Amino acid sequence: MPSPDPEATSPRHVLAGSLILLGLVLQVLAFAGYSPLPNGVGYALWLATLLLWRDIPRRTRWQAGALAAIGLVLLVVARWRYASDIAWPAITSGNTYVVAMLVGVSFIGLIGNRSGRTRPLGRPVTGRRGTLGTWLGVHLLGTILNLSTVFMIGDRLARRGPLTTPQLLALNRGLSSAALWSPFFASMGVVMTLAPGMEFTRVIAVGLPLALISGALTTLELSRRFDLTEVAGFSLSPRSLLMPVTMAALVMLFHFQLTPELGIVSIITFLLPAVALASNLPAGPRWTLRRVRQHTLLRLPAMRGEIALFLSAGLLTLGLSTFVAAATGSEWRLFSHFGATQAVASFLAIVVSAVAGLHPIIGVSVLASMLDLRGDEQTLFAFTALASWAVGTSVGPLSGINLSLQGRYGVSGYRIMRHNLGYALALSALVVLGLLLLDAWL
């Protein structure tokens, strides 16, 4: 086991790592219906972020600081200008459930390989086949495991060296395109809440073919733009799929049988750390505690960039949604009828806002608040929202997938955005066609 870095085990880092672990524990307790400290998850994570603030890379620090500052200003304006009722003690809670999931997912590194030695990697799968394998692996497993799949597959690829642009784009597009149809994605959960009368079978009949086309488009485009000869991809062999498939099976067991009241993100948050602990216990409790302690002191503080970005983006989302709701009121309606023309305009507006830095959930939520959907309009709105999410998260520099890639692998979200603009345009054209077909079908 490697010796800890003296800087990483300074009192400041020890306290920050412990606070991050505390935030995870408090979130898991909340799932069980026990919340000893209201809003404690947000307090613990924000305090850890402040302790680690000076260690965050400058570009990430400026970006996170700007997001948080804008969110706070919007909240203050909403309160002073429009007399909005704001729960100030709870403003630190934005995106904490996502951060808790990321912290839980980080425990993947403790599963197996108890000797601490790195296993031989074997011959990589390269070329179009490797890139398609990466997209397909992230897409299929990501429909169930969501963002955690990116880390499982991305960390495996990163063992060979820093991730290349084609690898990052395959990870990005493989996950984001799953939002077009996966019933387990956060996007589907949001849409089902906003449009409970949607016809799921019609949405998936249009969304699934579009997702498969996006995979073919990704493979062809990346092979044309980049030399993929030496670019390693994810192998869909039984050995490489063993852990992700096992985790997916466990998540489904909990989702459908053991804890059906919990969402997929919640299950992942507590299940992965639990499996990590269980896999280490055969080596003895002392060994297990040593590994958890090392993880708390080294790995958790190293997540400072990811945590800062997500927490700050959550504060921005809260500020913007509060301000928009206060400024527009609840009586005005954007469209008297929601048809193909309105759906296309709404889709394009949300994607453009994502490119400008707003998460698609903001655009989708704001749009829903300004509509009075009836009958089949809910199905058309549902696909509009899912398609906006799929395209917007792929290209938006502040989407969850791009914030994660930036925080974990050091790539700029704006660099991913630039490389995805052509893909987003092509997929948007297909989405517009899908909206027209769906409207005609309804």
Protein backbone atom coordinates (compact mmCIF):
# COMPACT_ATOMS: atom_id res chain seq x y z
CA MET A 1 0.00 0.00 0.00
CA PRO A 2 1.56 3.34 -0.99
CA SER A 3 2.49 5.77 1.75
CA PRO A 4 0.26 8.86 2.06
CA ASP A 5 1.44 12.18 0.71
CA PRO A 6 2.37 14.44 3.68
CA GLU A 7 0.50 17.39 2.13
CA ALA A 8 -2.60 15.26 1.58
CA THR A 9 -2.60 14.20 5.25
CA SER A 10 -2.31 17.73 6.64
CA PRO A 11 -5.01 18.63 9.22
CA ARG A 12 -6.87 20.66 6.58
CA HIS A 13 -7.04 17.72 4.16
CA VAL A 14 -7.89 15.25 6.90
CA LEU A 15 -10.81 17.41 8.02
CA ALA A 16 -11.98 17.99 4.43
CA GLY A 17 -11.87 14.28 3.57
CA SER A 18 -13.74 13.45 6.77
CA LEU A 19 -16.41 16.03 5.97
CA ILE A 20 -16.91 14.61 2.49
CA LEU A 21 -17.30 11.13 3.97
CA LEU A 22 -19.71 12.57 6.54
CA GLY A 23 -21.77 14.10 3.72
CA LEU A 24 -22.06 10.67 2.09
CA VAL A 25 -23.06 9.02 5.38
CA LEU A 26 -25.69 11.69 6.08
CA GLN A 27 -27.14 11.26 2.57
CA VAL A 28 -27.38 7.48 3.02
CA LEU A 29 -29.07 7.99 6.41
CA ALA A 30 -31.56 10.31 4.72
CA PHE A 31 -32.46 7.50 2.31
CA ALA A 32 -33.33 5.41 5.37
CA GLY A 33 -35.60 8.17 6.64
CA TYR A 34 -33.22 9.38 9.34
CA SER A 35 -31.87 12.93 9.06
CA PRO A 36 -30.02 13.86 12.27
CA LEU A 37 -28.95 17.21 10.80
CA PRO A 38 -31.32 19.00 8.36
CA ASN A 39 -29.37 20.22 5.32
CA GLY A 40 -26.29 18.60 6.88
CA VAL A 41 -25.17 17.04 3.60
CA GLY A 42 -24.85 20.44 1.97
CA TYR A 43 -23.14 21.98 4.99
CA ALA A 44 -20.54 19.18 5.15
CA LEU A 45 -19.77 19.23 1.43
CA TRP A 46 -19.60 23.02 1.14
CA LEU A 47 -17.34 23.29 4.21
CA ALA A 48 -15.03 20.65 2.73
CA THR A 49 -14.98 22.59 -0.54
CA LEU A 50 -14.03 25.81 1.24
CA LEU A 51 -11.21 24.01 3.09
CA LEU A 52 -9.87 22.66 -0.23
CA TRP A 53 -10.60 25.82 -2.25
CA ARG A 54 -6.99 26.94 -2.66
CA ASP A 55 -6.02 23.47 -3.96
CA ILE A 56 -8.59 23.53 -6.78
CA PRO A 57 -7.06 24.26 -10.22
CA ARG A 58 -7.35 27.96 -11.00
CA ARG A 59 -9.60 27.56 -14.06
CA THR A 60 -12.01 25.34 -12.14
CA ARG A 61 -11.87 27.65 -9.12
CA TRP A 62 -12.82 30.70 -11.18
CA GLN A 63 -15.62 28.83 -12.92
CA ALA A 64 -17.08 27.44 -9.69
CA GLY A 65 -16.76 30.82 -7.98
CA ALA A 66 -18.57 32.58 -10.81
CA LEU A 67 -21.43 30.05 -10.81
CA ALA A 68 -21.91 30.33 -7.04
CA ALA A 69 -21.72 34.14 -7.08
CA ILE A 70 -24.30 34.44 -9.89
CA GLY A 71 -26.62 32.04 -8.08
CA LEU A 72 -26.39 34.04 -4.85
CA VAL A 73 -26.98 37.35 -6.64
CA LEU A 74 -30.09 35.97 -8.35
CA LEU A 75 -31.44 34.73 -5.02
CA VAL A 76 -30.87 38.14 -3.43
CA VAL A 77 -32.56 39.92 -6.36
CA ALA A 78 -35.52 37.52 -6.23
CA ARG A 79 -35.91 38.20 -2.51
CA TRP A 80 -35.48 42.00 -2.59
CA ARG A 81 -37.10 42.81 -5.94
CA TYR A 82 -39.91 40.24 -6.03
CA ALA A 83 -40.26 39.34 -2.31
CA SER A 84 -39.72 35.64 -3.02
CA ASP A 85 -39.88 33.32 -0.04
CA ILE A 86 -36.41 31.73 0.03
CA ALA A 87 -35.35 29.01 2.46
CA TRP A 88 -31.87 30.38 3.08
CA PRO A 89 -30.65 27.49 5.31
CA ALA A 90 -31.34 25.08 2.43
CA ILE A 91 -29.54 26.92 -0.39
CA THR A 92 -26.46 24.72 0.08
CA SER A 93 -28.44 21.61 -0.86
CA GLY A 94 -28.43 22.02 -4.65
CA ASN A 95 -26.91 18.99 -6.43
CA THR A 96 -25.86 17.41 -3.12
CA TYR A 97 -27.55 14.14 -4.10
CA VAL A 98 -25.41 14.05 -7.26
CA VAL A 99 -22.23 14.86 -5.32
CA ALA A 100 -23.06 12.15 -2.79
CA MET A 101 -23.44 9.71 -5.67
CA LEU A 102 -20.05 10.75 -7.08
CA VAL A 103 -18.47 10.20 -3.67
CA GLY A 104 -20.15 6.81 -3.41
CA VAL A 105 -18.98 5.87 -6.91
CA SER A 106 -15.38 6.74 -5.95
CA PHE A 107 -15.37 3.65 -3.72
CA ILE A 108 -15.20 1.55 -6.89
CA GLY A 109 -11.44 1.82 -6.48
CA LEU A 110 -11.65 -0.32 -3.33
CA ILE A 111 -13.47 -3.21 -5.03
CA GLY A 112 -11.22 -6.20 -5.66
CA ASN A 113 -7.45 -6.14 -6.15
CA ARG A 114 -6.80 -6.22 -2.39
CA SER A 115 -3.08 -6.68 -2.93
CA GLY A 116 -2.82 -3.14 -4.25
CA ARG A 117 -0.99 -4.32 -7.39
CA THR A 118 -2.14 -3.35 -10.86
CA ARG A 119 -3.23 -6.22 -13.06
CA PRO A 120 -1.80 -6.58 -16.57
CA LEU A 121 -4.04 -4.84 -19.04
CA GLY A 122 -3.57 -7.14 -22.00
CA ARG A 123 -3.89 -6.14 -25.64
CA PRO A 124 -6.27 -3.18 -26.13
CA VAL A 125 -9.11 -3.06 -28.64
CA THR A 126 -8.41 -0.12 -30.96
CA GLY A 127 -9.77 1.56 -34.07
CA ARG A 128 -13.46 1.88 -34.90
CA ARG A 129 -14.20 -1.32 -33.02
CA GLY A 130 -12.65 0.03 -29.83
CA THR A 131 -14.43 3.38 -30.08
CA LEU A 132 -17.76 1.69 -30.78
CA GLY A 133 -17.09 -0.61 -27.80
CA THR A 134 -16.57 2.42 -25.56
CA TRP A 135 -19.76 4.10 -26.77
CA LEU A 136 -21.80 0.91 -26.55
CA GLY A 137 -20.46 -0.07 -23.12
CA VAL A 138 -21.20 3.35 -21.63
CA HIS A 139 -24.58 3.55 -23.35
CA LEU A 140 -25.92 0.13 -22.40
CA LEU A 141 -24.61 0.06 -18.84
CA GLY A 142 -25.23 3.78 -18.40
CA THR A 143 -28.96 3.29 -18.97
CA ILE A 144 -28.96 1.61 -15.56
CA LEU A 145 -25.85 2.84 -13.73
CA ASN A 146 -26.02 6.41 -15.06
CA LEU A 147 -22.93 8.57 -14.48
CA SER A 148 -21.09 5.86 -12.52
CA THR A 149 -20.55 3.91 -15.77
CA VAL A 150 -18.41 6.74 -17.15
CA PHE A 151 -16.05 6.37 -14.19
CA MET A 152 -15.98 2.57 -14.37
CA ILE A 153 -15.05 2.56 -18.06
CA GLY A 154 -13.12 5.86 -18.10
CA ASP A 155 -10.87 4.83 -15.20
CA ARG A 156 -10.20 1.52 -16.91
CA LEU A 157 -9.16 3.30 -20.11
CA ALA A 158 -7.10 5.83 -18.10
CA ARG A 159 -4.91 3.04 -16.76
CA ARG A 160 -3.15 3.06 -20.13
CA GLY A 161 -2.48 6.79 -19.97
CA PRO A 162 -4.33 10.13 -20.08
CA LEU A 163 -7.62 9.88 -21.95
CA THR A 164 -7.51 11.15 -25.52
CA THR A 165 -10.12 13.37 -27.14
CA PRO A 166 -11.82 10.49 -29.04
CA GLN A 167 -12.08 8.49 -25.80
CA LEU A 168 -13.59 11.43 -23.93
CA LEU A 169 -16.08 12.11 -26.73
CA ALA A 170 -17.14 8.46 -26.84
CA LEU A 171 -17.71 8.51 -23.08
CA ASN A 172 -19.65 11.77 -23.33
CA ARG A 173 -21.90 10.75 -26.21
CA GLY A 174 -22.46 7.20 -25.01
CA LEU A 175 -23.98 8.42 -21.76
CA SER A 176 -25.78 11.55 -22.95
CA SER A 177 -27.59 9.72 -25.77
CA ALA A 178 -29.06 7.26 -23.26
CA ALA A 179 -31.28 10.12 -22.08
CA LEU A 180 -33.29 9.67 -25.29
CA TRP A 181 -34.94 6.50 -24.05
CA SER A 182 -33.66 5.02 -20.75
CA PRO A 183 -36.46 4.66 -18.15
CA PHE A 184 -33.83 4.79 -15.37
CA PHE A 185 -32.22 8.10 -16.32
CA ALA A 186 -32.72 11.24 -14.25
CA SER A 187 -34.11 12.88 -17.39
CA MET A 188 -36.94 10.34 -17.59
CA GLY A 189 -37.74 10.82 -13.92
CA VAL A 190 -38.02 14.58 -14.39
CA VAL A 191 -40.13 14.21 -17.53
CA MET A 192 -42.52 11.73 -15.92
CA THR A 193 -43.06 14.21 -13.12
CA LEU A 194 -43.71 17.13 -15.47
CA ALA A 195 -45.82 15.15 -17.97
CA PRO A 196 -47.44 12.23 -16.10
CA GLY A 197 -49.81 11.55 -19.00
CA MET A 198 -47.04 10.82 -21.51
CA GLU A 199 -47.17 7.59 -23.56
CA PHE A 200 -43.84 5.93 -22.79
CA THR A 201 -44.04 3.40 -25.64
CA ARG A 202 -44.28 6.13 -28.26
CA VAL A 203 -41.43 8.09 -26.73
CA ILE A 204 -39.13 5.06 -26.68
CA ALA A 205 -40.18 4.10 -30.23
CA VAL A 206 -38.68 7.37 -31.45
CA GLY A 207 -35.90 7.82 -28.87
CA LEU A 208 -34.23 4.39 -29.06
CA PRO A 209 -33.60 4.43 -32.84
CA LEU A 210 -32.22 7.96 -32.51
CA ALA A 211 -29.85 6.79 -29.77
CA LEU A 212 -28.57 3.95 -31.96
CA ILE A 213 -28.09 6.34 -34.88
CA SER A 214 -26.09 8.65 -32.58
CA GLY A 215 -23.75 5.72 -31.83
CA ALA A 216 -23.16 5.07 -35.52
CA LEU A 217 -22.70 8.79 -36.10
CA THR A 218 -20.14 9.01 -33.30
CA THR A 219 -18.12 6.06 -34.60
CA LEU A 220 -18.05 7.33 -38.19
CA GLU A 221 -17.33 10.95 -37.27
CA LEU A 222 -14.51 10.17 -34.84
CA SER A 223 -12.87 7.74 -37.28
CA ARG A 224 -12.94 10.51 -39.92
CA ARG A 225 -11.61 13.27 -37.65
CA PHE A 226 -9.03 11.30 -35.67
CA ASP A 227 -6.54 8.52 -36.24
CA LEU A 228 -8.00 5.78 -34.07
CA THR A 229 -5.31 3.20 -34.86
CA GLU A 230 -3.70 3.46 -31.41
CA VAL A 231 -6.72 4.73 -29.48
CA ALA A 232 -7.71 2.10 -26.94
CA GLY A 233 -11.39 1.35 -26.50
CA PHE A 234 -13.49 -0.61 -24.06
CA SER A 235 -13.69 -4.33 -24.71
CA LEU A 236 -17.13 -5.87 -24.38
CA SER A 237 -15.56 -9.14 -23.23
CA PRO A 238 -17.02 -11.08 -20.28
CA ARG A 239 -14.02 -10.20 -18.09
CA SER A 240 -14.26 -6.44 -18.66
CA LEU A 241 -18.03 -6.49 -18.24
CA LEU A 242 -18.04 -8.58 -15.06
CA MET A 243 -18.05 -5.76 -12.50
CA PRO A 244 -20.32 -3.31 -14.38
CA VAL A 245 -22.86 -6.03 -15.21
CA THR A 246 -22.77 -7.36 -11.64
CA MET A 247 -23.35 -3.86 -10.28
CA ALA A 248 -26.17 -3.30 -12.78
CA ALA A 249 -27.82 -6.55 -11.66
CA LEU A 250 -27.55 -5.51 -8.01
CA VAL A 251 -29.02 -2.08 -8.78
CA MET A 252 -31.97 -3.72 -10.55
CA LEU A 253 -32.47 -6.10 -7.61
CA PHE A 254 -32.67 -3.19 -5.18
CA HIS A 255 -34.77 -1.06 -7.54
CA PHE A 256 -37.44 -3.65 -8.25
CA GLN A 257 -37.39 -5.84 -5.15
CA LEU A 258 -35.55 -4.59 -2.06
CA THR A 259 -35.92 -0.79 -2.12
CA PRO A 260 -38.47 0.07 -4.86
CA GLU A 261 -39.16 3.43 -3.22
CA LEU A 262 -35.64 4.66 -4.02
CA GLY A 263 -34.45 6.01 -7.35
CA ILE A 264 -31.48 4.64 -9.27
CA VAL A 265 -29.16 7.47 -8.19
CA SER A 266 -30.01 6.87 -4.53
CA ILE A 267 -29.37 3.13 -4.81
CA ILE A 268 -25.99 3.67 -6.49
CA THR A 269 -25.00 6.11 -3.74
CA PHE A 270 -25.16 3.53 -0.95
CA LEU A 271 -24.72 0.28 -2.91
CA LEU A 272 -21.25 0.88 -4.35
CA PRO A 273 -19.63 1.79 -0.99
CA ALA A 274 -21.39 -1.20 0.60
CA VAL A 275 -20.05 -3.57 -2.06
CA ALA A 276 -16.57 -2.04 -1.67
CA LEU A 277 -16.61 -2.66 2.08
CA ALA A 278 -17.96 -6.19 1.64
CA SER A 279 -15.24 -7.05 -0.89
CA ASN A 280 -12.53 -6.00 1.58
CA LEU A 281 -13.92 -7.57 4.77
CA PRO A 282 -12.58 -11.08 3.97
CA ALA A 283 -9.08 -9.60 4.45
CA GLY A 284 -10.09 -8.53 7.96
CA PRO A 285 -11.65 -5.45 9.58
CA ARG A 286 -8.27 -3.82 10.22
CA TRP A 287 -7.38 -4.02 6.51
CA THR A 288 -10.79 -2.67 5.56
CA LEU A 289 -10.48 0.28 7.93
CA ARG A 290 -7.00 1.07 6.59
CA ARG A 291 -8.28 1.16 3.03
CA VAL A 292 -11.27 3.33 3.94
CA ARG A 293 -8.98 5.69 5.87
CA GLN A 294 -6.58 5.95 2.94
CA HIS A 295 -9.49 6.57 0.58
CA THR A 296 -10.83 9.29 2.88
CA LEU A 297 -7.46 11.03 3.20
CA LEU A 298 -6.33 10.79 -0.42
CA ARG A 299 -9.11 10.09 -2.92
CA LEU A 300 -11.95 12.13 -1.44
CA PRO A 301 -9.99 15.43 -1.14
CA ALA A 302 -8.77 14.84 -4.70
CA MET A 303 -12.41 15.13 -5.84
CA ARG A 304 -12.44 18.82 -4.89
CA GLY A 305 -12.79 20.00 -8.48
CA GLU A 306 -15.82 17.81 -9.22
CA ILE A 307 -17.47 18.65 -5.91
CA ALA A 308 -16.92 22.41 -6.25
CA LEU A 309 -18.34 22.49 -9.79
CA PHE A 310 -21.44 20.47 -8.97
CA LEU A 311 -22.24 22.37 -5.78
CA SER A 312 -21.76 25.72 -7.50
CA ALA A 313 -23.85 24.64 -10.48
CA GLY A 314 -26.58 23.58 -8.05
CA LEU A 315 -26.56 27.00 -6.43
CA LEU A 316 -26.77 28.64 -9.86
CA THR A 317 -29.73 26.41 -10.82
CA LEU A 318 -31.55 27.32 -7.61
CA GLY A 319 -30.90 31.02 -8.09
CA LEU A 320 -31.93 31.06 -11.73
CA SER A 321 -35.09 28.98 -11.29
CA THR A 322 -36.15 31.08 -8.28
CA PHE A 323 -35.54 34.32 -10.17
CA VAL A 324 -37.37 33.16 -13.32
CA ALA A 325 -40.36 31.94 -11.29
CA ALA A 326 -40.50 35.23 -9.39
CA ALA A 327 -40.12 37.39 -12.50
CA THR A 328 -42.60 35.60 -14.77
CA GLY A 329 -45.22 34.59 -12.23
CA SER A 330 -47.41 31.50 -12.63
CA GLU A 331 -50.30 32.77 -14.76
CA TRP A 332 -48.64 33.53 -18.09
CA ARG A 333 -48.47 30.77 -20.75
CA LEU A 334 -45.84 30.62 -23.48
CA PHE A 335 -47.96 28.69 -26.03
CA SER A 336 -51.72 28.20 -26.18
CA HIS A 337 -51.09 24.95 -28.09
CA PHE A 338 -48.01 22.69 -28.04
CA GLY A 339 -47.51 21.19 -31.49
CA ALA A 340 -44.58 20.37 -33.78
CA THR A 341 -43.59 24.01 -34.39
CA GLN A 342 -43.63 24.83 -30.68
CA ALA A 343 -41.74 21.61 -29.85
CA VAL A 344 -38.96 22.35 -32.35
CA ALA A 345 -38.62 25.95 -31.13
CA SER A 346 -38.51 24.78 -27.51
CA PHE A 347 -35.93 22.09 -28.27
CA LEU A 348 -33.62 24.52 -30.06
CA ALA A 349 -33.97 27.13 -27.31
CA ILE A 350 -33.02 24.65 -24.57
CA VAL A 351 -30.02 23.36 -26.53
CA VAL A 352 -28.81 26.92 -27.17
CA SER A 353 -29.17 27.70 -23.46
CA ALA A 354 -27.12 24.56 -22.69
CA VAL A 355 -24.35 25.79 -24.98
CA ALA A 356 -24.49 29.08 -23.05
CA GLY A 357 -23.86 27.14 -19.84
CA LEU A 358 -27.29 26.31 -18.42
CA HIS A 359 -28.11 22.70 -17.58
CA PRO A 360 -31.01 21.42 -19.73
CA ILE A 361 -33.02 20.67 -16.59
CA ILE A 362 -33.37 24.44 -16.12
CA GLY A 363 -34.79 24.95 -19.60
CA VAL A 364 -37.07 21.92 -19.32
CA SER A 365 -38.40 22.98 -15.92
CA VAL A 366 -38.93 26.59 -16.98
CA LEU A 367 -40.67 25.48 -20.17
CA ALA A 368 -43.00 23.15 -18.27
CA SER A 369 -43.92 25.93 -15.86
CA MET A 370 -45.06 28.09 -18.80
CA LEU A 371 -47.24 25.46 -20.51
CA ASP A 372 -50.68 23.98 -19.93
CA LEU A 373 -50.28 20.55 -21.52
CA ARG A 374 -53.31 18.52 -22.54
CA GLY A 375 -53.65 14.96 -23.84
CA ASP A 376 -51.10 14.01 -26.50
CA GLU A 377 -49.24 17.28 -25.95
CA GLN A 378 -47.66 15.64 -22.90
CA THR A 379 -46.07 12.91 -25.03
CA LEU A 380 -44.70 15.47 -27.50
CA PHE A 381 -43.39 17.60 -24.63
CA ALA A 382 -41.79 14.53 -23.02
CA PHE A 383 -39.78 13.66 -26.12
CA THR A 384 -38.86 17.34 -26.59
CA ALA A 385 -37.49 17.42 -23.06
CA LEU A 386 -35.59 14.12 -23.39
CA ALA A 387 -34.05 15.13 -26.72
CA SER A 388 -33.07 18.53 -25.31
CA TRP A 389 -31.41 16.75 -22.38
CA ALA A 390 -29.55 14.30 -24.64
CA VAL A 391 -28.17 16.95 -27.00
CA GLY A 392 -27.76 19.67 -24.36
CA THR A 393 -25.77 17.53 -21.91
CA SER A 394 -23.42 16.36 -24.66
CA VAL A 395 -22.53 19.89 -25.73
CA GLY A 396 -23.19 21.96 -22.60
CA PRO A 397 -19.94 22.81 -20.76
CA LEU A 398 -21.73 22.77 -17.39
CA SER A 399 -23.70 19.54 -17.83
CA GLY A 400 -23.18 16.74 -15.34
CA ILE A 401 -21.20 14.54 -17.74
CA ASN A 402 -18.88 17.37 -18.80
CA LEU A 403 -18.37 18.63 -15.26
CA SER A 404 -17.44 15.07 -14.30
CA LEU A 405 -15.01 14.67 -17.19
CA GLN A 406 -13.46 18.03 -16.32
CA GLY A 407 -13.16 17.29 -12.61
CA ARG A 408 -11.93 13.71 -12.96
CA TYR A 409 -9.78 13.74 -16.09
CA GLY A 410 -8.75 17.40 -16.32
CA VAL A 411 -10.34 18.18 -19.71
CA SER A 412 -12.00 21.55 -20.25
CA GLY A 413 -15.77 21.45 -20.59
CA TYR A 414 -15.49 24.10 -23.30
CA ARG A 415 -13.07 21.91 -25.23
CA ILE A 416 -15.63 19.08 -25.15
CA MET A 417 -18.26 21.59 -26.27
CA ARG A 418 -16.21 22.68 -29.30
CA HIS A 419 -15.60 19.09 -30.38
CA ASN A 420 -19.29 18.23 -29.97
CA LEU A 421 -20.79 21.14 -31.90
CA GLY A 422 -20.89 19.26 -35.23
CA TYR A 423 -22.31 16.17 -33.55
CA ALA A 424 -24.93 18.29 -31.77
CA LEU A 425 -25.99 19.92 -35.05
CA ALA A 426 -26.36 16.56 -36.82
CA LEU A 427 -28.26 14.99 -33.92
CA SER A 428 -30.45 18.09 -33.63
CA ALA A 429 -31.49 17.73 -37.27
CA LEU A 430 -32.49 14.12 -36.57
CA VAL A 431 -34.38 15.19 -33.43
CA VAL A 432 -36.35 17.80 -35.40
CA LEU A 433 -37.33 15.06 -37.86
CA GLY A 434 -38.29 12.85 -34.92
CA LEU A 435 -40.47 15.60 -33.44
CA LEU A 436 -42.28 16.07 -36.74
CA LEU A 437 -42.88 12.33 -37.08
CA LEU A 438 -44.08 12.01 -33.49
CA ASP A 439 -46.47 14.94 -33.86
CA ALA A 440 -47.91 13.35 -37.02
CA TRP A 441 -48.21 10.00 -35.21
CA LEU A 442 -50.08 11.57 -32.31
